[in-house]
Amino acid sequence: MDTQVKNEKKQLVAKWLQDKYEKFKVTLCRLIQTEFSFSLSLQLDALDLMFGLIKLEAQATKEFPVETYQSLVKLLLLGDCGEVLGDESSSNFLLLEFIDKFSKFWDLQVYFFEKSLVETISTWKDISHQKKVQLFSNYFTVIRGGLLYTTDSDELRDLPIYTGIKLPSTAYKASIKTRYQKCLLEILRITELSPAQYKALLLILHKRVIPYMGVPASLMDFLTDAYDQEDDEVVPILALNSLWELMKNYNLEYPDFYTKLYSLLTPDLMYTRYRSRFFRLCDLFLSSTHLAAKLVASFIKKLARLSLAASSPAVVIVIPFIYNLLKRHPTCMVLLQNTTADAQYNDTFDDSEKNPLNTGAMGSSLWELETLMSHYHPNVATLAKMFGEPFRKPSYNMEDFLDWSYLTLLESEKTRKYKGMASLEYEEWASLFNSGNDEKVYIEGWAL
């Protein structure tokens, strides 16, 4: 009888302690979630305590405390103790402290993307627009560094574990990629992305996101929407990387791909900061020798036309790009060797035609390249003169031209070694005033 009473008292005390423990965790979460007008070290202490409790619970039960961890994850994702920065990441000091641990330990990553998180995100669809902006920023900040995941199972099992416990075999399976994918797609579903958010995500998508997705093809709708954006032409350019990954590695097709690609050739393209990225990909897309000659001719002619009003660094890219296309597609050489001698000849190229198969470029000529031979910048003019010589060079390495800027053009002029003295309009003098025994002085009778 005494033993039964003692057990009941122990259970009562244990229940009381459990209740106090749960209330303590709630208090810590409230402290972490509260927005102050300044950063508080007390909040960082609360975050450290939560991590400490997660480790203690795991070591006591020999299981990862998913519920406690998820409560921390959810309040950090909705946390607004920071601002959205220019790159759409968050300056939330608590989130950054969390990511410092998250990026190092496999158990913190594998239990972050839980089914319960997907369900919770779906319930956030009715939160305010500002809250959704903060949610995207916080989530983007977490995933932009990638994951520790690797297909090598032995290497995966050697990853550091924060709680120090032995994880179940399911923690090392590819199922995390499915959960990761569902969380991302749910974020995209409830958030109406701005052009800036599109750009931020697309910049990391092909390297930091797609490799960790179970079915990357599920991003096709998102990428199609991004590629079809008309309000901001930078977004379609950035979507090309990931779209190409899906087309190349997962055999997906985009209808009228080259028509859309052709529509990206605008004057603004020649001045965008992502110009080199576009030409790098465009070189891949036009590398096939099975493309229709009139399609390739349209790209060549359009680029030549755009180069007339482009910046010098952009023209430095366009010239070797056109050269490589002509070498790769000899049928288009007629653009350089058009023998039409009619004085009344009119250029058949329709610059306003959106379909590259119907521009009439094959009946045109690249008179724009001859114009570039008289370009004000000597480097550009010299480069353009290659089209007046035999095509003996197999092709140009585009990487040598993609990152040129006005600064590099000026530096190349500054460091150029001249073979002889520059031509002078006036007589050359040794010095301006008398300085010693100089014979040729510009102003005689004066000295400094």
Protein backbone atom coordinates (compact mmCIF):
# COMPACT_ATOMS: atom_id res chain seq x y z
CA MET A 1 0.00 0.00 0.00
CA ASP A 2 2.83 2.38 0.92
CA THR A 3 4.57 1.55 -2.37
CA GLN A 4 1.43 2.40 -4.36
CA VAL A 5 1.10 5.73 -2.55
CA LYS A 6 4.74 6.53 -3.22
CA ASN A 7 4.32 5.72 -6.92
CA GLU A 8 1.24 7.93 -7.14
CA LYS A 9 3.14 10.78 -5.50
CA LYS A 10 6.05 10.30 -7.91
CA GLN A 11 3.67 10.37 -10.86
CA LEU A 12 2.04 13.50 -9.50
CA VAL A 13 5.42 15.22 -9.10
CA ALA A 14 6.52 14.03 -12.55
CA LYS A 15 3.32 15.39 -14.09
CA TRP A 16 3.83 18.71 -12.26
CA LEU A 17 7.42 18.91 -13.47
CA GLN A 18 6.37 18.04 -17.03
CA ASP A 19 3.75 20.78 -16.95
CA LYS A 20 6.29 23.33 -15.65
CA TYR A 21 8.79 22.19 -18.28
CA GLU A 22 6.29 22.69 -21.10
CA LYS A 23 5.38 26.13 -19.76
CA PHE A 24 9.09 27.00 -19.58
CA LYS A 25 9.50 26.08 -23.26
CA VAL A 26 6.49 28.21 -24.16
CA THR A 27 8.01 31.13 -22.24
CA LEU A 28 11.30 30.72 -24.12
CA CYS A 29 9.45 30.62 -27.44
CA ARG A 30 7.53 33.79 -26.60
CA LEU A 31 10.76 35.54 -25.68
CA ILE A 32 12.36 34.46 -28.96
CA GLN A 33 9.31 35.49 -30.97
CA THR A 34 8.78 38.90 -29.33
CA GLU A 35 9.85 41.84 -31.49
CA PHE A 36 11.90 44.44 -29.64
CA SER A 37 13.14 47.77 -30.97
CA PHE A 38 16.72 46.50 -30.63
CA SER A 39 18.61 43.21 -30.58
CA LEU A 40 18.59 41.55 -27.18
CA SER A 41 21.27 39.16 -26.00
CA LEU A 42 18.52 37.74 -23.78
CA GLN A 43 16.79 36.42 -26.90
CA LEU A 44 20.01 34.74 -28.01
CA ASP A 45 20.26 33.18 -24.55
CA ALA A 46 16.70 31.90 -24.94
CA LEU A 47 17.60 30.40 -28.33
CA ASP A 48 20.65 28.69 -26.83
CA LEU A 49 18.48 27.31 -24.03
CA MET A 50 16.03 25.88 -26.58
CA PHE A 51 18.88 24.14 -28.37
CA GLY A 52 20.12 22.85 -25.03
CA LEU A 53 16.68 21.45 -24.22
CA ILE A 54 16.50 19.76 -27.62
CA LYS A 55 19.78 18.00 -26.91
CA LEU A 56 18.74 16.99 -23.37
CA GLU A 57 15.39 15.60 -24.56
CA ALA A 58 17.12 13.60 -27.28
CA GLN A 59 19.65 12.12 -24.87
CA ALA A 60 16.93 11.26 -22.36
CA THR A 61 14.56 9.56 -24.82
CA LYS A 62 17.14 8.41 -27.41
CA GLU A 63 14.89 9.97 -30.04
CA PHE A 64 15.08 13.32 -31.75
CA PRO A 65 12.51 15.69 -30.13
CA VAL A 66 10.68 16.60 -33.34
CA GLU A 67 7.83 18.46 -31.64
CA THR A 68 10.11 20.76 -29.62
CA TYR A 69 12.36 21.39 -32.59
CA GLN A 70 9.45 22.11 -34.93
CA SER A 71 7.98 24.64 -32.49
CA LEU A 72 11.29 26.52 -32.69
CA VAL A 73 11.44 26.23 -36.50
CA LYS A 74 7.93 27.57 -37.01
CA LEU A 75 8.32 30.63 -34.81
CA LEU A 76 11.66 31.48 -36.48
CA LEU A 77 10.11 31.23 -39.96
CA LEU A 78 7.41 33.71 -38.97
CA GLY A 79 9.79 35.82 -36.90
CA ASP A 80 10.19 39.48 -37.80
CA CYS A 81 13.15 40.46 -35.61
CA GLY A 82 14.94 41.83 -38.64
CA GLU A 83 14.57 43.40 -42.06
CA VAL A 84 14.37 42.02 -45.58
CA LEU A 85 17.67 42.91 -47.24
CA GLY A 86 18.32 43.87 -50.85
CA ASP A 87 19.06 40.27 -51.83
CA GLU A 88 15.74 39.18 -50.23
CA SER A 89 17.50 37.45 -47.34
CA SER A 90 16.69 38.24 -43.72
CA SER A 91 18.79 40.19 -41.24
CA ASN A 92 17.03 38.45 -38.33
CA PHE A 93 19.89 37.87 -35.87
CA LEU A 94 18.07 34.96 -34.22
CA LEU A 95 17.53 33.22 -37.55
CA LEU A 96 21.18 33.73 -38.50
CA GLU A 97 22.24 32.22 -35.17
CA PHE A 98 19.95 29.26 -35.84
CA ILE A 99 21.39 28.80 -39.35
CA ASP A 100 24.90 28.73 -37.90
CA LYS A 101 24.00 25.44 -36.18
CA PHE A 102 21.57 24.23 -38.85
CA SER A 103 24.26 24.34 -41.54
CA LYS A 104 26.64 22.09 -39.58
CA PHE A 105 24.50 19.24 -38.22
CA TRP A 106 22.61 16.64 -40.21
CA ASP A 107 19.90 15.92 -37.62
CA LEU A 108 18.92 19.60 -37.49
CA GLN A 109 18.52 19.54 -41.28
CA VAL A 110 16.71 16.24 -41.68
CA TYR A 111 14.09 17.07 -39.01
CA PHE A 112 13.60 20.63 -40.25
CA PHE A 113 11.65 19.53 -43.34
CA GLU A 114 8.94 17.59 -41.54
CA LYS A 115 5.45 16.78 -42.79
CA SER A 116 4.05 18.87 -39.95
CA LEU A 117 5.92 21.91 -41.31
CA VAL A 118 4.25 21.48 -44.71
CA GLU A 119 0.85 21.32 -43.01
CA THR A 120 1.63 24.41 -40.93
CA ILE A 121 2.81 26.41 -43.96
CA SER A 122 -0.47 25.63 -45.73
CA THR A 123 -2.35 27.21 -42.80
CA TRP A 124 -0.37 30.43 -43.27
CA LYS A 125 -2.00 31.20 -46.63
CA ASP A 126 -4.27 33.81 -45.01
CA ILE A 127 -1.58 35.77 -43.15
CA SER A 128 -0.89 39.36 -44.21
CA HIS A 129 1.16 40.21 -47.28
CA GLN A 130 3.94 41.67 -45.12
CA LYS A 131 4.07 38.45 -43.08
CA LYS A 132 4.37 36.43 -46.30
CA VAL A 133 7.24 38.63 -47.46
CA GLN A 134 9.00 37.98 -44.15
CA LEU A 135 8.20 34.25 -44.35
CA PHE A 136 9.74 33.96 -47.82
CA SER A 137 12.79 35.94 -46.71
CA ASN A 138 13.34 33.74 -43.65
CA TYR A 139 12.85 30.48 -45.56
CA PHE A 140 15.07 31.67 -48.41
CA THR A 141 17.81 32.56 -45.91
CA VAL A 142 17.66 29.03 -44.49
CA ILE A 143 17.85 27.13 -47.81
CA ARG A 144 20.21 29.35 -49.80
CA GLY A 145 23.25 27.65 -48.27
CA GLY A 146 22.15 24.22 -49.51
CA LEU A 147 22.09 21.00 -47.48
CA LEU A 148 24.66 18.51 -46.24
CA TYR A 149 22.83 15.77 -48.15
CA THR A 150 24.87 13.52 -50.41
CA THR A 151 24.02 10.39 -52.38
CA ASP A 152 26.95 8.58 -50.75
CA SER A 153 25.30 6.72 -47.82
CA ASP A 154 28.60 6.15 -45.98
CA GLU A 155 29.51 9.82 -46.20
CA LEU A 156 25.99 10.74 -45.11
CA ARG A 157 26.25 8.61 -41.96
CA ASP A 158 29.54 10.29 -41.07
CA LEU A 159 27.93 13.74 -40.90
CA PRO A 160 27.98 15.43 -37.46
CA ILE A 161 24.89 15.02 -35.25
CA TYR A 162 23.97 17.86 -32.90
CA THR A 163 22.09 15.76 -30.35
CA GLY A 164 24.75 13.06 -30.28
CA ILE A 165 22.20 10.21 -30.52
CA LYS A 166 22.01 7.44 -33.08
CA LEU A 167 19.48 8.41 -35.73
CA PRO A 168 17.11 5.85 -37.30
CA SER A 169 17.88 4.54 -40.79
CA THR A 170 15.05 6.67 -42.22
CA ALA A 171 17.10 9.78 -41.43
CA TYR A 172 19.62 8.70 -44.07
CA LYS A 173 17.21 7.95 -46.89
CA ALA A 174 16.34 10.08 -49.90
CA SER A 175 12.88 10.73 -48.44
CA ILE A 176 14.23 14.01 -47.10
CA LYS A 177 14.30 15.24 -50.71
CA THR A 178 10.56 14.66 -50.97
CA ARG A 179 9.87 16.56 -47.75
CA TYR A 180 12.24 19.35 -48.79
CA GLN A 181 10.39 19.62 -52.09
CA LYS A 182 6.95 19.75 -50.46
CA CYS A 183 8.02 22.53 -48.09
CA LEU A 184 9.40 24.64 -50.93
CA LEU A 185 6.40 24.13 -53.20
CA GLU A 186 4.04 25.03 -50.35
CA ILE A 187 5.96 28.26 -49.74
CA LEU A 188 5.72 29.09 -53.46
CA ARG A 189 2.02 28.20 -53.50
CA ILE A 190 0.97 30.57 -50.73
CA THR A 191 3.32 33.41 -51.71
CA GLU A 192 2.79 35.69 -54.67
CA LEU A 193 6.41 36.39 -55.55
CA SER A 194 7.61 39.85 -56.50
CA PRO A 195 10.21 40.26 -59.29
CA ALA A 196 12.90 40.74 -56.62
CA GLN A 197 11.90 37.47 -54.90
CA TYR A 198 11.87 35.67 -58.25
CA LYS A 199 15.40 36.88 -58.95
CA ALA A 200 16.71 35.90 -55.53
CA LEU A 201 15.32 32.36 -55.76
CA LEU A 202 16.26 31.81 -59.41
CA LEU A 203 19.86 32.80 -58.72
CA ILE A 204 20.30 29.81 -56.39
CA LEU A 205 17.72 27.39 -57.79
CA HIS A 206 19.86 25.34 -60.19
CA LYS A 207 22.74 24.75 -57.74
CA ARG A 208 21.33 25.08 -54.23
CA VAL A 209 17.76 23.80 -54.58
CA ILE A 210 17.17 21.44 -57.53
CA PRO A 211 19.86 18.92 -56.41
CA TYR A 212 17.95 18.38 -53.13
CA MET A 213 14.49 17.87 -54.65
CA GLY A 214 12.89 14.46 -55.06
CA VAL A 215 11.13 15.32 -58.32
CA PRO A 216 12.70 18.49 -59.80
CA ALA A 217 10.17 18.34 -62.64
CA SER A 218 7.59 19.63 -60.14
CA LEU A 219 9.24 23.05 -60.55
CA MET A 220 8.31 23.17 -64.23
CA ASP A 221 5.15 25.25 -63.67
CA PHE A 222 7.04 27.72 -61.48
CA LEU A 223 9.85 28.06 -64.01
CA THR A 224 7.41 28.39 -66.89
CA ASP A 225 5.68 31.25 -65.08
CA ALA A 226 9.06 32.86 -64.42
CA TYR A 227 10.18 32.41 -68.03
CA ASP A 228 6.93 33.95 -69.29
CA GLN A 229 7.29 37.07 -67.13
CA GLU A 230 6.95 40.21 -69.21
CA ASP A 231 7.09 42.91 -66.54
CA ASP A 232 10.77 42.27 -65.79
CA GLU A 233 12.98 40.80 -68.50
CA VAL A 234 15.72 39.83 -66.02
CA VAL A 235 13.48 37.15 -64.46
CA PRO A 236 13.21 35.08 -67.70
CA ILE A 237 16.99 35.31 -68.15
CA LEU A 238 17.57 33.95 -64.64
CA ALA A 239 14.97 31.22 -65.20
CA LEU A 240 17.02 29.90 -68.13
CA ASN A 241 19.57 28.19 -65.87
CA SER A 242 17.08 26.02 -64.02
CA LEU A 243 14.92 25.48 -67.09
CA TRP A 244 17.96 24.19 -68.93
CA GLU A 245 18.75 21.83 -66.03
CA LEU A 246 15.27 20.30 -66.26
CA MET A 247 15.38 20.05 -70.06
CA LYS A 248 18.86 18.53 -70.09
CA ASN A 249 18.70 16.14 -67.14
CA TYR A 250 14.99 15.31 -66.91
CA ASN A 251 13.94 15.37 -70.60
CA LEU A 252 11.31 18.04 -70.07
CA GLU A 253 10.21 20.25 -72.94
CA TYR A 254 9.17 23.88 -73.10
CA PRO A 255 6.87 24.67 -76.04
CA ASP A 256 8.20 27.34 -78.43
CA PHE A 257 11.40 27.53 -76.41
CA TYR A 258 13.44 29.25 -79.13
CA THR A 259 10.67 31.74 -79.86
CA LYS A 260 10.74 32.81 -76.21
CA LEU A 261 14.55 32.83 -76.20
CA TYR A 262 14.52 35.07 -79.28
CA SER A 263 12.11 37.47 -77.57
CA LEU A 264 14.73 38.06 -74.86
CA LEU A 265 17.02 39.71 -77.41
CA THR A 266 16.23 43.33 -76.58
CA PRO A 267 18.31 46.52 -76.26
CA ASP A 268 18.02 46.26 -72.46
CA LEU A 269 19.72 42.85 -72.56
CA MET A 270 22.94 44.54 -73.69
CA TYR A 271 23.05 46.57 -70.48
CA THR A 272 21.80 44.13 -67.84
CA ARG A 273 24.20 42.81 -65.22
CA TYR A 274 23.15 39.24 -66.14
CA ARG A 275 24.23 39.65 -69.77
CA SER A 276 27.14 37.21 -69.52
CA ARG A 277 24.88 34.56 -67.92
CA PHE A 278 22.45 34.85 -70.83
CA PHE A 279 25.12 34.52 -73.53
CA ARG A 280 26.72 31.59 -71.75
CA LEU A 281 23.42 29.71 -71.86
CA CYS A 282 22.45 30.93 -75.31
CA ASP A 283 25.71 29.48 -76.61
CA LEU A 284 24.57 26.09 -75.28
CA PHE A 285 21.08 26.37 -76.73
CA LEU A 286 22.38 27.21 -80.22
CA SER A 287 25.17 24.63 -80.22
CA SER A 288 23.16 21.91 -81.98
CA THR A 289 23.96 21.58 -85.69
CA HIS A 290 20.41 20.29 -86.28
CA LEU A 291 18.77 23.68 -85.77
CA ALA A 292 17.09 25.26 -88.79
CA ALA A 293 19.42 27.65 -90.63
CA LYS A 294 16.82 30.41 -90.75
CA LEU A 295 16.35 30.18 -86.98
CA VAL A 296 20.08 30.57 -86.34
CA ALA A 297 20.26 33.34 -88.95
CA SER A 298 17.57 35.25 -87.05
CA PHE A 299 19.62 35.14 -83.85
CA ILE A 300 22.75 36.25 -85.71
CA LYS A 301 21.01 39.12 -87.46
CA LYS A 302 19.14 40.26 -84.33
CA LEU A 303 22.35 40.34 -82.28
CA ALA A 304 24.17 42.22 -85.03
CA ARG A 305 21.38 44.79 -85.11
CA LEU A 306 21.40 45.18 -81.31
CA SER A 307 25.18 45.66 -81.29
CA LEU A 308 24.82 48.98 -83.12
CA ALA A 309 23.40 50.64 -80.01
CA ALA A 310 25.02 48.42 -77.37
CA SER A 311 27.77 49.26 -74.91
CA SER A 312 31.33 48.41 -75.93
CA PRO A 313 31.64 45.49 -73.44
CA ALA A 314 28.42 44.01 -74.88
CA VAL A 315 29.71 44.33 -78.46
CA VAL A 316 32.90 42.54 -77.40
CA ILE A 317 30.65 39.57 -76.49
CA VAL A 318 28.43 39.73 -79.58
CA ILE A 319 31.23 39.72 -82.20
CA PRO A 320 32.89 36.39 -81.23
CA PHE A 321 29.44 34.95 -80.47
CA ILE A 322 28.34 35.63 -84.06
CA TYR A 323 31.65 34.28 -85.36
CA ASN A 324 31.13 30.99 -83.51
CA LEU A 325 27.56 30.67 -84.81
CA LEU A 326 28.71 31.19 -88.39
CA LYS A 327 31.44 28.57 -87.98
CA ARG A 328 28.98 26.15 -86.39
CA HIS A 329 26.31 26.74 -89.05
CA PRO A 330 28.09 27.27 -92.41
CA THR A 331 24.74 27.67 -94.20
CA CYS A 332 24.46 31.08 -92.55
CA MET A 333 27.68 32.28 -94.20
CA VAL A 334 25.43 33.67 -96.94
CA LEU A 335 24.79 36.55 -94.53
CA LEU A 336 28.41 37.62 -95.04
CA GLN A 337 28.63 36.76 -98.72
CA ASN A 338 25.34 38.05 -100.06
CA THR A 339 26.06 38.60 -103.78
CA THR A 340 22.95 40.66 -104.48
CA ALA A 341 24.18 43.63 -106.55
CA ASP A 342 20.85 45.38 -107.00
CA ALA A 343 21.18 49.05 -106.10
CA GLN A 344 17.55 49.02 -104.97
CA TYR A 345 18.18 46.15 -102.55
CA ASN A 346 16.23 46.35 -99.29
CA ASP A 347 17.09 44.46 -96.14
CA THR A 348 14.55 41.61 -95.87
CA PHE A 349 15.03 41.21 -92.13
CA ASP A 350 11.90 42.04 -90.12
CA ASP A 351 13.13 43.30 -86.77
CA SER A 352 9.63 43.34 -85.27
CA GLU A 353 8.79 39.70 -86.12
CA LYS A 354 8.53 37.59 -82.95
CA ASN A 355 8.89 34.17 -84.59
CA PRO A 356 12.58 33.57 -85.48
CA LEU A 357 11.51 31.27 -88.32
CA ASN A 358 9.67 34.09 -90.09
CA THR A 359 12.06 37.06 -89.85
CA GLY A 360 13.50 36.76 -93.37
CA ALA A 361 17.03 36.89 -91.96
CA MET A 362 18.43 34.43 -94.53
CA GLY A 363 17.80 36.95 -97.32
CA SER A 364 19.56 39.72 -95.40
CA SER A 365 23.22 40.62 -94.92
CA LEU A 366 25.32 41.53 -91.90
CA TRP A 367 26.04 45.12 -92.88
CA GLU A 368 26.03 45.93 -89.16
CA LEU A 369 29.37 44.13 -88.78
CA GLU A 370 30.96 46.39 -91.37
CA THR A 371 29.66 49.36 -89.41
CA LEU A 372 31.34 47.98 -86.27
CA MET A 373 34.68 47.99 -88.12
CA SER A 374 34.56 51.78 -87.71
CA HIS A 375 33.64 51.63 -84.01
CA TYR A 376 35.04 54.42 -81.85
CA HIS A 377 36.78 51.95 -79.55
CA PRO A 378 39.88 50.44 -81.22
CA ASN A 379 39.46 47.06 -79.51
CA VAL A 380 35.93 46.68 -80.86
CA ALA A 381 36.90 47.87 -84.34
CA THR A 382 39.85 45.46 -84.47
CA LEU A 383 37.67 42.58 -83.29
CA ALA A 384 35.02 43.33 -85.93
CA LYS A 385 37.60 43.26 -88.72
CA MET A 386 37.86 39.48 -88.30
CA PHE A 387 34.78 39.23 -90.54
CA GLY A 388 36.71 40.76 -93.41
CA GLU A 389 39.34 38.01 -93.22
CA PRO A 390 39.28 34.24 -93.93
CA PHE A 391 37.64 32.21 -91.15
CA ARG A 392 40.73 30.20 -90.18
CA LYS A 393 40.14 30.14 -86.42
CA PRO A 394 37.95 27.14 -85.39
CA SER A 395 36.04 29.13 -82.76
CA TYR A 396 36.51 31.57 -79.91
CA ASN A 397 36.37 30.67 -76.23
CA MET A 398 33.44 32.80 -75.07
CA GLU A 399 34.69 32.82 -71.48
CA ASP A 400 37.46 35.17 -72.63
CA PHE A 401 34.87 37.81 -73.56
CA LEU A 402 31.90 37.41 -71.22
CA ASP A 403 33.18 39.40 -68.25
CA TRP A 404 34.55 42.45 -70.02
CA SER A 405 33.54 45.89 -68.75
CA TYR A 406 34.51 49.47 -69.49
CA LEU A 407 37.10 49.17 -66.73
CA THR A 408 38.79 46.15 -68.35
CA LEU A 409 38.70 47.88 -71.75
CA LEU A 410 40.41 50.93 -70.27
CA GLU A 411 42.93 48.76 -68.42
CA SER A 412 43.82 46.96 -71.66
CA GLU A 413 44.53 50.32 -73.30
CA LYS A 414 46.51 51.49 -70.29
CA THR A 415 48.78 48.44 -70.27
CA ARG A 416 49.19 48.17 -74.04
CA LYS A 417 52.79 48.34 -75.27
CA TYR A 418 53.17 50.59 -78.30
CA LYS A 419 55.62 49.68 -81.05
CA GLY A 420 56.65 53.28 -81.66
CA MET A 421 56.16 56.80 -80.40
CA ALA A 422 52.72 58.29 -80.69
CA SER A 423 52.22 60.81 -83.50
CA LEU A 424 52.47 64.39 -82.24
CA GLU A 425 50.96 67.48 -83.79
CA TYR A 426 53.68 69.78 -82.41
CA GLU A 427 57.45 69.65 -82.10
CA GLU A 428 58.79 67.55 -79.23
CA TRP A 429 60.59 69.32 -76.37
CA ALA A 430 62.91 67.96 -73.69
CA SER A 431 61.34 70.13 -70.97
CA LEU A 432 59.02 73.06 -70.44
CA PHE A 433 61.52 75.31 -68.57
CA ASN A 434 65.31 75.42 -68.32
CA SER A 435 66.58 72.63 -66.10
CA GLY A 436 70.31 72.21 -66.37
CA ASN A 437 71.77 71.79 -69.82
CA ASP A 438 68.62 70.93 -71.76
CA GLU A 439 69.06 72.01 -75.35
CA LYS A 440 65.43 71.87 -76.46
CA VAL A 441 63.36 73.97 -74.07
CA TYR A 442 59.85 75.16 -74.82
CA ILE A 443 60.17 78.48 -72.89
CA GLU A 444 63.75 79.76 -72.84
CA GLY A 445 65.01 82.07 -70.13
CA TRP A 446 62.79 80.63 -67.44
CA ALA A 447 63.69 78.11 -64.77
CA LEU A 448 62.06 76.56 -61.73
